[in-house]
N, C-alpha and C. Protein backbone atom coordinates (compact mmCIF):
# COMPACT_ATOMS: atom_id res chain seq x y z
N MET A 1 1.26 -22.15 97.72
CA MET A 1 0.62 -23.40 97.42
C MET A 1 0.50 -23.54 95.90
N ARG A 2 0.95 -24.64 95.40
CA ARG A 2 0.96 -24.88 93.96
C ARG A 2 -0.25 -25.72 93.57
N ILE A 3 -0.95 -25.23 92.54
CA ILE A 3 -2.12 -25.95 92.05
C ILE A 3 -1.70 -26.77 90.84
N VAL A 4 -1.92 -28.06 90.88
CA VAL A 4 -1.56 -28.95 89.79
C VAL A 4 -2.81 -29.21 88.96
N SER A 5 -2.68 -28.98 87.68
CA SER A 5 -3.82 -29.19 86.80
C SER A 5 -4.02 -30.68 86.54
N LEU A 6 -5.26 -31.08 86.52
CA LEU A 6 -5.57 -32.47 86.22
C LEU A 6 -5.71 -32.71 84.72
N LEU A 7 -5.76 -31.62 83.95
CA LEU A 7 -5.85 -31.76 82.50
C LEU A 7 -4.47 -32.10 81.93
N PRO A 8 -4.42 -33.00 80.96
CA PRO A 8 -3.12 -33.36 80.38
C PRO A 8 -2.57 -32.22 79.52
N SER A 9 -1.27 -32.11 79.49
CA SER A 9 -0.64 -31.08 78.67
C SER A 9 -0.59 -31.56 77.22
N ALA A 10 -0.25 -30.65 76.31
CA ALA A 10 -0.16 -31.00 74.89
C ALA A 10 0.92 -32.06 74.67
N THR A 11 2.01 -31.98 75.42
CA THR A 11 3.08 -32.97 75.30
C THR A 11 2.58 -34.35 75.69
N GLU A 12 1.84 -34.42 76.77
CA GLU A 12 1.31 -35.71 77.21
C GLU A 12 0.33 -36.29 76.21
N ILE A 13 -0.49 -35.42 75.62
CA ILE A 13 -1.46 -35.88 74.62
C ILE A 13 -0.74 -36.42 73.39
N LEU A 14 0.26 -35.68 72.90
CA LEU A 14 1.02 -36.14 71.73
C LEU A 14 1.77 -37.44 72.02
N PHE A 15 2.35 -37.54 73.22
CA PHE A 15 3.04 -38.76 73.60
C PHE A 15 2.08 -39.94 73.63
N ALA A 16 0.90 -39.73 74.19
CA ALA A 16 -0.10 -40.81 74.26
C ALA A 16 -0.55 -41.21 72.86
N LEU A 17 -0.77 -40.22 71.98
CA LEU A 17 -1.16 -40.54 70.60
C LEU A 17 -0.06 -41.31 69.87
N GLY A 18 1.19 -40.87 70.07
CA GLY A 18 2.31 -41.56 69.42
C GLY A 18 2.47 -42.98 69.93
N LEU A 19 2.40 -43.15 71.24
CA LEU A 19 2.52 -44.48 71.82
C LEU A 19 1.33 -45.35 71.42
N GLY A 20 0.15 -44.76 71.41
CA GLY A 20 -1.03 -45.51 71.00
C GLY A 20 -0.98 -45.92 69.54
N SER A 21 -0.33 -45.11 68.72
CA SER A 21 -0.21 -45.44 67.29
C SER A 21 0.66 -46.65 67.05
N LEU A 22 1.58 -46.92 67.97
CA LEU A 22 2.42 -48.12 67.82
C LEU A 22 1.59 -49.40 67.91
N PHE A 23 0.57 -49.37 68.75
CA PHE A 23 -0.24 -50.55 69.00
C PHE A 23 -1.65 -50.39 68.46
N ALA A 24 -1.84 -49.48 67.54
CA ALA A 24 -3.18 -49.15 67.05
C ALA A 24 -3.71 -50.17 66.06
N LEU A 25 -4.97 -49.97 65.74
CA LEU A 25 -5.60 -50.81 64.74
C LEU A 25 -4.94 -50.58 63.38
N ARG A 26 -5.06 -51.55 62.54
CA ARG A 26 -4.43 -51.47 61.21
C ARG A 26 -4.95 -50.26 60.43
N ALA A 27 -6.22 -49.93 60.56
CA ALA A 27 -6.79 -48.79 59.83
C ALA A 27 -6.11 -47.48 60.24
N TRP A 28 -5.85 -47.30 61.54
CA TRP A 28 -5.18 -46.09 62.01
C TRP A 28 -3.74 -46.04 61.51
N ARG A 29 -3.04 -47.17 61.54
CA ARG A 29 -1.67 -47.21 61.04
C ARG A 29 -1.62 -46.91 59.55
N MET A 30 -2.60 -47.41 58.80
CA MET A 30 -2.64 -47.14 57.36
C MET A 30 -2.95 -45.66 57.09
N THR A 31 -3.76 -45.05 57.95
CA THR A 31 -4.06 -43.62 57.81
C THR A 31 -2.79 -42.81 58.01
N LEU A 32 -2.01 -43.14 59.02
CA LEU A 32 -0.77 -42.42 59.29
C LEU A 32 0.29 -42.69 58.23
N ALA A 33 0.19 -43.81 57.54
CA ALA A 33 1.19 -44.17 56.53
C ALA A 33 0.76 -43.79 55.12
N ASN A 34 -0.28 -42.97 54.98
CA ASN A 34 -0.69 -42.61 53.62
C ASN A 34 0.37 -41.71 52.98
N PRO A 35 0.46 -41.66 51.67
CA PRO A 35 1.54 -40.95 50.98
C PRO A 35 1.64 -39.46 51.32
N ALA A 36 0.52 -38.80 51.58
CA ALA A 36 0.58 -37.37 51.91
C ALA A 36 1.29 -37.15 53.24
N PHE A 37 0.97 -37.96 54.24
CA PHE A 37 1.64 -37.84 55.54
C PHE A 37 3.11 -38.22 55.44
N VAL A 38 3.43 -39.25 54.68
CA VAL A 38 4.82 -39.66 54.51
C VAL A 38 5.62 -38.56 53.82
N PHE A 39 5.02 -37.94 52.79
CA PHE A 39 5.68 -36.83 52.09
C PHE A 39 5.94 -35.66 53.04
N LEU A 40 4.92 -35.28 53.83
CA LEU A 40 5.12 -34.18 54.78
C LEU A 40 6.15 -34.53 55.85
N ALA A 41 6.18 -35.78 56.26
CA ALA A 41 7.20 -36.20 57.23
C ALA A 41 8.59 -36.13 56.62
N THR A 42 8.70 -36.43 55.33
CA THR A 42 10.00 -36.40 54.66
C THR A 42 10.53 -34.97 54.55
N ILE A 43 9.67 -34.02 54.25
CA ILE A 43 10.13 -32.64 54.06
C ILE A 43 9.97 -31.79 55.32
N SER A 44 9.52 -32.37 56.43
CA SER A 44 9.13 -31.59 57.61
C SER A 44 10.28 -30.75 58.16
N TYR A 45 11.49 -31.28 58.24
CA TYR A 45 12.58 -30.49 58.82
C TYR A 45 12.92 -29.29 57.94
N ASN A 46 12.99 -29.49 56.63
CA ASN A 46 13.26 -28.36 55.76
C ASN A 46 12.09 -27.38 55.74
N LEU A 47 10.88 -27.87 55.88
CA LEU A 47 9.72 -26.99 55.99
C LEU A 47 9.83 -26.15 57.26
N TYR A 48 10.26 -26.76 58.35
CA TYR A 48 10.47 -26.04 59.60
C TYR A 48 11.55 -24.97 59.44
N LEU A 49 12.63 -25.31 58.74
CA LEU A 49 13.72 -24.35 58.56
C LEU A 49 13.34 -23.17 57.69
N TRP A 50 12.53 -23.38 56.66
CA TRP A 50 12.26 -22.36 55.66
C TRP A 50 10.95 -21.61 55.84
N HIS A 51 10.02 -22.10 56.64
CA HIS A 51 8.68 -21.52 56.63
C HIS A 51 8.64 -20.05 57.04
N GLN A 52 9.40 -19.66 58.05
CA GLN A 52 9.31 -18.28 58.52
C GLN A 52 9.90 -17.30 57.49
N VAL A 53 11.01 -17.68 56.88
CA VAL A 53 11.61 -16.84 55.84
C VAL A 53 10.65 -16.69 54.67
N VAL A 54 10.05 -17.78 54.27
CA VAL A 54 9.12 -17.77 53.13
C VAL A 54 7.89 -16.93 53.45
N PHE A 55 7.31 -17.09 54.63
CA PHE A 55 6.12 -16.34 54.97
C PHE A 55 6.39 -14.84 55.04
N ARG A 56 7.55 -14.47 55.57
CA ARG A 56 7.89 -13.04 55.59
C ARG A 56 8.07 -12.51 54.18
N TRP A 57 8.64 -13.32 53.31
CA TRP A 57 8.85 -12.91 51.92
C TRP A 57 7.51 -12.80 51.19
N VAL A 58 6.63 -13.78 51.38
CA VAL A 58 5.32 -13.76 50.72
C VAL A 58 4.49 -12.58 51.19
N ALA A 59 4.62 -12.21 52.46
CA ALA A 59 3.84 -11.07 52.99
C ALA A 59 4.25 -9.75 52.34
N THR A 60 5.42 -9.70 51.72
CA THR A 60 5.86 -8.46 51.07
C THR A 60 5.49 -8.41 49.60
N TRP A 61 4.89 -9.46 49.07
CA TRP A 61 4.51 -9.44 47.65
C TRP A 61 3.51 -8.32 47.42
N PRO A 62 3.75 -7.48 46.43
CA PRO A 62 2.87 -6.30 46.25
C PRO A 62 1.48 -6.64 45.75
N PHE A 63 1.29 -7.75 45.08
CA PHE A 63 -0.02 -8.04 44.51
C PHE A 63 -0.96 -8.75 45.47
N ILE A 64 -0.47 -9.28 46.57
CA ILE A 64 -1.34 -10.00 47.50
C ILE A 64 -2.30 -9.07 48.24
N PRO A 65 -1.88 -7.91 48.76
CA PRO A 65 -2.84 -7.09 49.50
C PRO A 65 -4.01 -6.60 48.64
N HIS A 66 -3.83 -6.54 47.34
CA HIS A 66 -4.87 -6.03 46.47
C HIS A 66 -5.71 -7.14 45.84
N ALA A 67 -5.45 -8.37 46.19
CA ALA A 67 -6.24 -9.47 45.63
C ALA A 67 -7.66 -9.38 46.17
N ARG A 68 -8.61 -9.37 45.31
CA ARG A 68 -10.04 -9.32 45.64
C ARG A 68 -10.40 -8.11 46.51
N GLY A 69 -9.65 -7.03 46.40
CA GLY A 69 -9.99 -5.81 47.11
C GLY A 69 -9.70 -5.80 48.60
N VAL A 70 -8.98 -6.78 49.13
CA VAL A 70 -8.66 -6.77 50.55
C VAL A 70 -7.42 -5.91 50.79
N THR A 71 -7.30 -5.38 51.97
CA THR A 71 -6.15 -4.55 52.32
C THR A 71 -5.26 -5.29 53.30
N ARG A 72 -4.04 -4.84 53.39
CA ARG A 72 -3.05 -5.45 54.27
C ARG A 72 -3.56 -5.43 55.72
N GLY A 73 -3.49 -6.58 56.38
CA GLY A 73 -3.92 -6.68 57.76
C GLY A 73 -5.33 -7.23 57.94
N ASP A 74 -6.13 -7.25 56.89
CA ASP A 74 -7.47 -7.84 56.98
C ASP A 74 -7.36 -9.35 57.20
N PRO A 75 -8.37 -9.96 57.81
CA PRO A 75 -8.35 -11.42 57.95
C PRO A 75 -8.28 -12.14 56.60
N ALA A 76 -8.94 -11.58 55.60
CA ALA A 76 -8.88 -12.20 54.27
C ALA A 76 -7.46 -12.14 53.73
N TRP A 77 -6.79 -11.03 53.95
CA TRP A 77 -5.39 -10.89 53.51
C TRP A 77 -4.51 -11.93 54.22
N SER A 78 -4.75 -12.12 55.52
CA SER A 78 -3.97 -13.10 56.28
C SER A 78 -4.16 -14.51 55.73
N TRP A 79 -5.40 -14.85 55.37
CA TRP A 79 -5.65 -16.18 54.81
C TRP A 79 -4.96 -16.34 53.45
N ILE A 80 -4.98 -15.29 52.63
CA ILE A 80 -4.33 -15.36 51.32
C ILE A 80 -2.82 -15.53 51.49
N VAL A 81 -2.22 -14.76 52.39
CA VAL A 81 -0.78 -14.87 52.65
C VAL A 81 -0.45 -16.26 53.21
N THR A 82 -1.29 -16.77 54.10
CA THR A 82 -1.04 -18.09 54.68
C THR A 82 -1.10 -19.17 53.61
N ALA A 83 -2.09 -19.12 52.76
CA ALA A 83 -2.23 -20.12 51.69
C ALA A 83 -1.06 -20.05 50.72
N CYS A 84 -0.73 -18.84 50.26
CA CYS A 84 0.40 -18.69 49.33
C CYS A 84 1.71 -19.08 50.00
N GLY A 85 1.89 -18.66 51.25
CA GLY A 85 3.12 -18.99 51.98
C GLY A 85 3.28 -20.48 52.18
N PHE A 86 2.18 -21.17 52.49
CA PHE A 86 2.26 -22.61 52.68
C PHE A 86 2.66 -23.32 51.40
N VAL A 87 2.05 -22.92 50.29
CA VAL A 87 2.38 -23.54 49.00
C VAL A 87 3.84 -23.30 48.64
N VAL A 88 4.30 -22.07 48.80
CA VAL A 88 5.68 -21.74 48.45
C VAL A 88 6.65 -22.43 49.41
N ALA A 89 6.34 -22.46 50.70
CA ALA A 89 7.22 -23.11 51.68
C ALA A 89 7.33 -24.61 51.42
N VAL A 90 6.22 -25.26 51.09
CA VAL A 90 6.27 -26.69 50.76
C VAL A 90 7.09 -26.92 49.49
N ALA A 91 6.94 -26.04 48.51
CA ALA A 91 7.71 -26.19 47.27
C ALA A 91 9.21 -26.03 47.54
N ILE A 92 9.60 -25.04 48.33
CA ILE A 92 11.02 -24.84 48.64
C ILE A 92 11.56 -25.98 49.49
N ALA A 93 10.79 -26.42 50.48
CA ALA A 93 11.23 -27.54 51.32
C ALA A 93 11.39 -28.81 50.49
N THR A 94 10.49 -29.03 49.54
CA THR A 94 10.60 -30.20 48.66
C THR A 94 11.84 -30.11 47.79
N LEU A 95 12.08 -28.94 47.24
CA LEU A 95 13.26 -28.73 46.39
C LEU A 95 14.55 -28.96 47.18
N VAL A 96 14.63 -28.38 48.37
CA VAL A 96 15.84 -28.53 49.19
C VAL A 96 16.02 -29.98 49.61
N THR A 97 14.93 -30.65 49.96
CA THR A 97 15.03 -32.04 50.41
C THR A 97 15.51 -32.96 49.29
N TYR A 98 14.89 -32.86 48.12
CA TYR A 98 15.18 -33.82 47.06
C TYR A 98 16.34 -33.42 46.15
N VAL A 99 16.70 -32.13 46.09
CA VAL A 99 17.79 -31.70 45.21
C VAL A 99 19.09 -31.52 45.97
N VAL A 100 19.02 -31.14 47.26
CA VAL A 100 20.24 -30.88 48.02
C VAL A 100 20.48 -31.97 49.06
N GLU A 101 19.52 -32.17 49.96
CA GLU A 101 19.74 -33.04 51.11
C GLU A 101 19.90 -34.51 50.73
N ARG A 102 18.97 -35.05 49.97
CA ARG A 102 19.03 -36.47 49.62
C ARG A 102 20.30 -36.85 48.86
N PRO A 103 20.69 -36.07 47.81
CA PRO A 103 21.94 -36.43 47.13
C PRO A 103 23.17 -36.35 48.04
N LEU A 104 23.19 -35.38 48.96
CA LEU A 104 24.33 -35.28 49.87
C LEU A 104 24.37 -36.46 50.85
N LEU A 105 23.21 -36.97 51.22
CA LEU A 105 23.17 -38.11 52.14
C LEU A 105 23.64 -39.40 51.47
N ARG A 106 23.59 -39.45 50.15
CA ARG A 106 24.05 -40.65 49.43
C ARG A 106 25.56 -40.72 49.29
N ILE A 107 26.26 -39.62 49.56
CA ILE A 107 27.71 -39.61 49.43
C ILE A 107 28.34 -40.33 50.61
N ASP A 108 29.30 -41.18 50.32
CA ASP A 108 30.01 -41.92 51.37
C ASP A 108 30.97 -40.96 52.08
N PRO A 109 30.87 -40.80 53.39
CA PRO A 109 31.75 -39.86 54.11
C PRO A 109 33.23 -40.20 53.97
N ARG A 110 33.54 -41.48 53.87
CA ARG A 110 34.96 -41.85 53.72
C ARG A 110 35.50 -41.36 52.39
N ASP A 111 34.66 -41.36 51.36
CA ASP A 111 35.07 -40.86 50.06
C ASP A 111 35.34 -39.36 50.12
N VAL A 112 34.50 -38.64 50.84
CA VAL A 112 34.69 -37.18 50.98
C VAL A 112 35.99 -36.90 51.71
N VAL A 113 36.24 -37.63 52.79
CA VAL A 113 37.46 -37.41 53.57
C VAL A 113 38.70 -37.70 52.72
N SER A 114 38.67 -38.78 51.94
CA SER A 114 39.84 -39.10 51.12
C SER A 114 40.04 -38.06 50.03
N ARG A 115 38.97 -37.54 49.43
CA ARG A 115 39.11 -36.52 48.40
C ARG A 115 39.60 -35.20 48.98
N VAL A 116 39.09 -34.83 50.14
CA VAL A 116 39.55 -33.59 50.77
C VAL A 116 41.02 -33.74 51.16
N GLY A 117 41.38 -34.89 51.70
CA GLY A 117 42.78 -35.12 52.06
C GLY A 117 43.69 -35.06 50.85
N LEU A 118 43.25 -35.65 49.74
CA LEU A 118 44.03 -35.61 48.50
C LEU A 118 44.17 -34.17 48.01
N GLY A 119 43.09 -33.41 48.09
CA GLY A 119 43.14 -32.00 47.67
C GLY A 119 44.06 -31.18 48.54
N LEU A 120 44.05 -31.44 49.83
CA LEU A 120 44.93 -30.70 50.74
C LEU A 120 46.38 -31.05 50.47
N ARG A 121 46.66 -32.32 50.16
CA ARG A 121 48.03 -32.70 49.83
C ARG A 121 48.50 -32.00 48.56
N ARG A 122 47.62 -31.89 47.58
CA ARG A 122 47.97 -31.21 46.33
C ARG A 122 48.29 -29.74 46.58
N VAL A 123 47.45 -29.08 47.39
CA VAL A 123 47.68 -27.67 47.69
C VAL A 123 49.00 -27.50 48.45
N ALA A 124 49.27 -28.37 49.40
CA ALA A 124 50.53 -28.27 50.14
C ALA A 124 51.71 -28.54 49.23
N PHE A 125 51.59 -29.49 48.32
CA PHE A 125 52.68 -29.81 47.40
C PHE A 125 52.94 -28.66 46.43
N GLU A 126 51.88 -28.02 45.93
CA GLU A 126 52.04 -26.91 45.01
C GLU A 126 52.68 -25.70 45.68
N ARG A 127 52.44 -25.49 46.93
CA ARG A 127 53.00 -24.34 47.63
C ARG A 127 54.47 -24.52 47.94
N THR A 128 54.91 -25.77 48.04
CA THR A 128 56.32 -26.00 48.37
C THR A 128 57.20 -25.85 47.15
N GLU A 129 56.63 -25.92 45.97
CA GLU A 129 57.44 -25.82 44.74
C GLU A 129 57.71 -24.40 44.35
């Protein structure tokens, strides 16, 4: 016998919040559209890609476990690593988004294909001579 929970799942709650935000009051829409949320939404995918690598790297920093006399594994150490990791991960995600991803998205794909094709023709022509 299967027991079905009457409590909504996290997915259902997020879906309801998202759908409700479409028809929400102007104040709620303005809250979601504030510059900090828009910035985090812009870098969110790169933040997702880089956060684990960055946090593992930050956890190996030799000076963090000795900050304020805390030792590795203490809750205070975890908070320090989390704060430093978040700052570094946001910085790397911002750098990758605005220095790598955005400029690449501005390139016309047809231009890339024509340049690659031209380069391949040159290489083939040089090899035949």
